[in-house]
Amino acid sequence: MHMNRSQWIIGCLVILGATAGAAVTSPWAKRTFSPPPAPATDAANAPHTRTCITLTGKRFEWNFPNPPFGTLSCSD
């Protein structure tokens, strides 16, 4: 199947429009969806590390506020 001249022109304009749209919106997307700056960490703001014990008795460190699934207990 062959394309006629108007189909080629329309196809090229679609590709050109998509490229131009991506180029124009890229800086906006970087500003809008960039992660927030990380706050300065000091001893007061450091994450609290807890020691958790699995159901099989294995101990591991956990830095998140919620206990992971399958743990028997976590220190406070």
N, C-alpha and C. Protein backbone atom coordinates (compact mmCIF):
# COMPACT_ATOMS: atom_id res chain seq x y z
N MET A 1 0.85 -1.16 0.00
CA MET A 1 0.00 0.00 0.00
C MET A 1 0.90 1.24 0.00
N HIS A 2 0.67 2.13 -0.92
CA HIS A 2 1.48 3.34 -1.04
C HIS A 2 0.72 4.53 -0.47
N MET A 3 1.49 5.46 0.06
CA MET A 3 0.88 6.68 0.60
C MET A 3 0.98 7.78 -0.45
N ASN A 4 -0.07 8.59 -0.53
CA ASN A 4 -0.01 9.70 -1.47
C ASN A 4 0.66 10.91 -0.79
N ARG A 5 0.83 11.97 -1.54
CA ARG A 5 1.57 13.13 -1.06
C ARG A 5 0.91 13.77 0.16
N SER A 6 -0.39 13.89 0.21
CA SER A 6 -1.05 14.54 1.35
C SER A 6 -0.91 13.69 2.62
N GLN A 7 -0.92 12.37 2.48
CA GLN A 7 -0.72 11.51 3.64
C GLN A 7 0.70 11.64 4.19
N TRP A 8 1.69 11.76 3.33
CA TRP A 8 3.07 11.98 3.76
C TRP A 8 3.18 13.32 4.50
N ILE A 9 2.58 14.34 3.98
CA ILE A 9 2.67 15.67 4.60
C ILE A 9 1.97 15.65 5.96
N ILE A 10 0.80 15.06 6.03
CA ILE A 10 0.09 14.98 7.31
C ILE A 10 0.90 14.15 8.32
N GLY A 11 1.48 13.06 7.89
CA GLY A 11 2.30 12.23 8.78
C GLY A 11 3.51 12.98 9.31
N CYS A 12 4.18 13.72 8.42
CA CYS A 12 5.33 14.51 8.85
C CYS A 12 4.92 15.62 9.81
N LEU A 13 3.77 16.25 9.58
CA LEU A 13 3.29 17.29 10.48
C LEU A 13 2.93 16.73 11.86
N VAL A 14 2.39 15.53 11.90
CA VAL A 14 2.07 14.90 13.18
C VAL A 14 3.35 14.63 13.97
N ILE A 15 4.36 14.07 13.32
CA ILE A 15 5.63 13.80 13.99
C ILE A 15 6.28 15.10 14.43
N LEU A 16 6.27 16.10 13.58
CA LEU A 16 6.85 17.40 13.92
C LEU A 16 6.10 18.05 15.09
N GLY A 17 4.77 17.96 15.08
CA GLY A 17 3.97 18.52 16.18
C GLY A 17 4.22 17.80 17.49
N ALA A 18 4.34 16.50 17.46
CA ALA A 18 4.61 15.74 18.69
C ALA A 18 5.99 16.08 19.24
N THR A 19 6.98 16.22 18.37
CA THR A 19 8.32 16.58 18.81
C THR A 19 8.35 17.99 19.39
N ALA A 20 7.68 18.92 18.74
CA ALA A 20 7.63 20.29 19.24
C ALA A 20 6.88 20.35 20.57
N GLY A 21 5.79 19.61 20.71
CA GLY A 21 5.06 19.59 21.97
C GLY A 21 5.89 19.03 23.11
N ALA A 22 6.65 17.98 22.84
CA ALA A 22 7.52 17.41 23.87
C ALA A 22 8.61 18.39 24.26
N ALA A 23 9.16 19.10 23.29
CA ALA A 23 10.22 20.06 23.59
C ALA A 23 9.70 21.24 24.40
N VAL A 24 8.48 21.66 24.12
CA VAL A 24 7.90 22.80 24.84
C VAL A 24 7.50 22.42 26.25
N THR A 25 6.93 21.24 26.45
CA THR A 25 6.42 20.86 27.76
C THR A 25 7.45 20.20 28.66
N SER A 26 8.60 19.85 28.15
CA SER A 26 9.62 19.18 28.96
C SER A 26 10.08 20.02 30.16
N PRO A 27 10.42 21.29 30.00
CA PRO A 27 10.82 22.08 31.19
C PRO A 27 9.70 22.19 32.22
N TRP A 28 8.45 22.34 31.77
CA TRP A 28 7.33 22.41 32.70
C TRP A 28 7.19 21.10 33.47
N ALA A 29 7.32 19.97 32.78
CA ALA A 29 7.19 18.68 33.43
C ALA A 29 8.30 18.46 34.45
N LYS A 30 9.51 18.89 34.14
CA LYS A 30 10.61 18.75 35.10
C LYS A 30 10.35 19.57 36.35
N ARG A 31 9.83 20.79 36.20
CA ARG A 31 9.52 21.62 37.37
C ARG A 31 8.37 21.05 38.16
N THR A 32 7.34 20.58 37.49
CA THR A 32 6.13 20.12 38.16
C THR A 32 6.33 18.79 38.87
N PHE A 33 7.01 17.86 38.25
CA PHE A 33 7.11 16.51 38.78
C PHE A 33 8.45 16.20 39.42
N SER A 34 9.29 17.20 39.67
CA SER A 34 10.57 16.93 40.31
C SER A 34 10.36 16.65 41.79
N PRO A 35 11.17 15.78 42.37
CA PRO A 35 11.02 15.48 43.79
C PRO A 35 11.38 16.70 44.64
N PRO A 36 10.78 16.84 45.80
CA PRO A 36 11.10 17.99 46.64
C PRO A 36 12.54 17.90 47.12
N PRO A 37 13.16 19.03 47.41
CA PRO A 37 14.54 18.98 47.88
C PRO A 37 14.62 18.28 49.23
N ALA A 38 15.69 17.55 49.41
CA ALA A 38 15.87 16.80 50.65
C ALA A 38 16.26 17.77 51.77
N PRO A 39 15.61 17.68 52.91
CA PRO A 39 15.98 18.55 54.02
C PRO A 39 17.33 18.16 54.59
N ALA A 40 17.96 19.11 55.23
CA ALA A 40 19.25 18.84 55.86
C ALA A 40 19.05 17.84 56.99
N THR A 41 19.88 16.83 57.03
CA THR A 41 19.74 15.82 58.07
C THR A 41 20.68 16.13 59.22
N ASP A 42 20.16 16.02 60.39
CA ASP A 42 20.97 16.14 61.59
C ASP A 42 20.51 15.05 62.56
N ALA A 43 21.05 15.04 63.74
CA ALA A 43 20.73 13.97 64.69
C ALA A 43 19.25 13.97 65.07
N ALA A 44 18.63 15.14 65.15
CA ALA A 44 17.22 15.22 65.55
C ALA A 44 16.30 14.72 64.44
N ASN A 45 16.68 14.91 63.18
CA ASN A 45 15.83 14.52 62.06
C ASN A 45 16.24 13.20 61.43
N ALA A 46 17.22 12.52 61.99
CA ALA A 46 17.67 11.25 61.41
C ALA A 46 16.56 10.20 61.55
N PRO A 47 16.44 9.31 60.59
CA PRO A 47 15.40 8.28 60.69
C PRO A 47 15.68 7.35 61.86
N HIS A 48 14.62 6.94 62.48
CA HIS A 48 14.72 6.05 63.64
C HIS A 48 14.86 4.61 63.15
N THR A 49 15.96 3.97 63.51
CA THR A 49 16.20 2.59 63.10
C THR A 49 15.69 1.66 64.18
N ARG A 50 14.88 0.71 63.78
CA ARG A 50 14.34 -0.27 64.72
C ARG A 50 14.84 -1.66 64.35
N THR A 51 14.95 -2.49 65.34
CA THR A 51 15.31 -3.88 65.13
C THR A 51 14.03 -4.70 65.14
N CYS A 52 13.79 -5.45 64.07
CA CYS A 52 12.60 -6.27 63.95
C CYS A 52 12.98 -7.73 63.94
N ILE A 53 12.05 -8.57 64.35
CA ILE A 53 12.26 -10.02 64.38
C ILE A 53 11.17 -10.66 63.54
N THR A 54 11.59 -11.51 62.60
CA THR A 54 10.61 -12.20 61.75
C THR A 54 10.00 -13.37 62.51
N LEU A 55 9.01 -14.00 61.90
CA LEU A 55 8.36 -15.15 62.50
C LEU A 55 9.31 -16.34 62.67
N THR A 56 10.38 -16.36 61.87
CA THR A 56 11.37 -17.45 61.97
C THR A 56 12.50 -17.11 62.91
N GLY A 57 12.50 -15.89 63.51
CA GLY A 57 13.52 -15.51 64.48
C GLY A 57 14.68 -14.71 63.91
N LYS A 58 14.65 -14.38 62.63
CA LYS A 58 15.73 -13.60 62.02
C LYS A 58 15.58 -12.13 62.40
N ARG A 59 16.67 -11.48 62.81
CA ARG A 59 16.66 -10.07 63.18
C ARG A 59 17.17 -9.22 62.01
N PHE A 60 16.58 -8.03 61.82
CA PHE A 60 17.01 -7.11 60.79
C PHE A 60 16.66 -5.68 61.19
N GLU A 61 17.34 -4.72 60.59
CA GLU A 61 17.11 -3.30 60.86
C GLU A 61 16.01 -2.80 59.93
N TRP A 62 15.15 -1.90 60.44
CA TRP A 62 14.02 -1.37 59.67
C TRP A 62 13.93 0.13 59.95
N ASN A 63 13.94 0.96 58.88
CA ASN A 63 13.96 2.43 59.02
C ASN A 63 12.62 3.09 58.78
N PHE A 64 11.56 2.33 58.64
CA PHE A 64 10.27 2.90 58.29
C PHE A 64 9.32 2.84 59.48
N PRO A 65 8.31 3.71 59.52
CA PRO A 65 7.43 3.77 60.69
C PRO A 65 6.52 2.56 60.84
N ASN A 66 6.12 1.93 59.75
CA ASN A 66 5.22 0.78 59.84
C ASN A 66 6.04 -0.51 59.89
N PRO A 67 5.62 -1.49 60.67
CA PRO A 67 6.35 -2.76 60.68
C PRO A 67 6.09 -3.53 59.40
N PRO A 68 7.08 -4.25 58.89
CA PRO A 68 6.89 -5.02 57.66
C PRO A 68 6.03 -6.25 57.90
N PHE A 69 5.47 -6.76 56.83
CA PHE A 69 4.62 -7.95 56.91
C PHE A 69 5.47 -9.15 57.31
N GLY A 70 4.95 -9.98 58.16
CA GLY A 70 5.64 -11.20 58.56
C GLY A 70 6.62 -11.02 59.70
N THR A 71 6.46 -9.96 60.49
CA THR A 71 7.34 -9.75 61.64
C THR A 71 6.60 -10.10 62.92
N LEU A 72 7.36 -10.64 63.85
CA LEU A 72 6.79 -10.97 65.15
C LEU A 72 6.72 -9.71 66.01
N SER A 73 7.81 -8.90 65.97
CA SER A 73 7.82 -7.66 66.75
C SER A 73 8.91 -6.75 66.22
N CYS A 74 8.80 -5.46 66.58
CA CYS A 74 9.82 -4.46 66.25
C CYS A 74 10.06 -3.61 67.48
N SER A 75 11.31 -3.20 67.68
CA SER A 75 11.62 -2.35 68.83
C SER A 75 11.11 -0.93 68.55
N ASP A 76 10.92 -0.17 69.59
CA ASP A 76 10.45 1.22 69.42
C ASP A 76 11.55 2.20 69.36
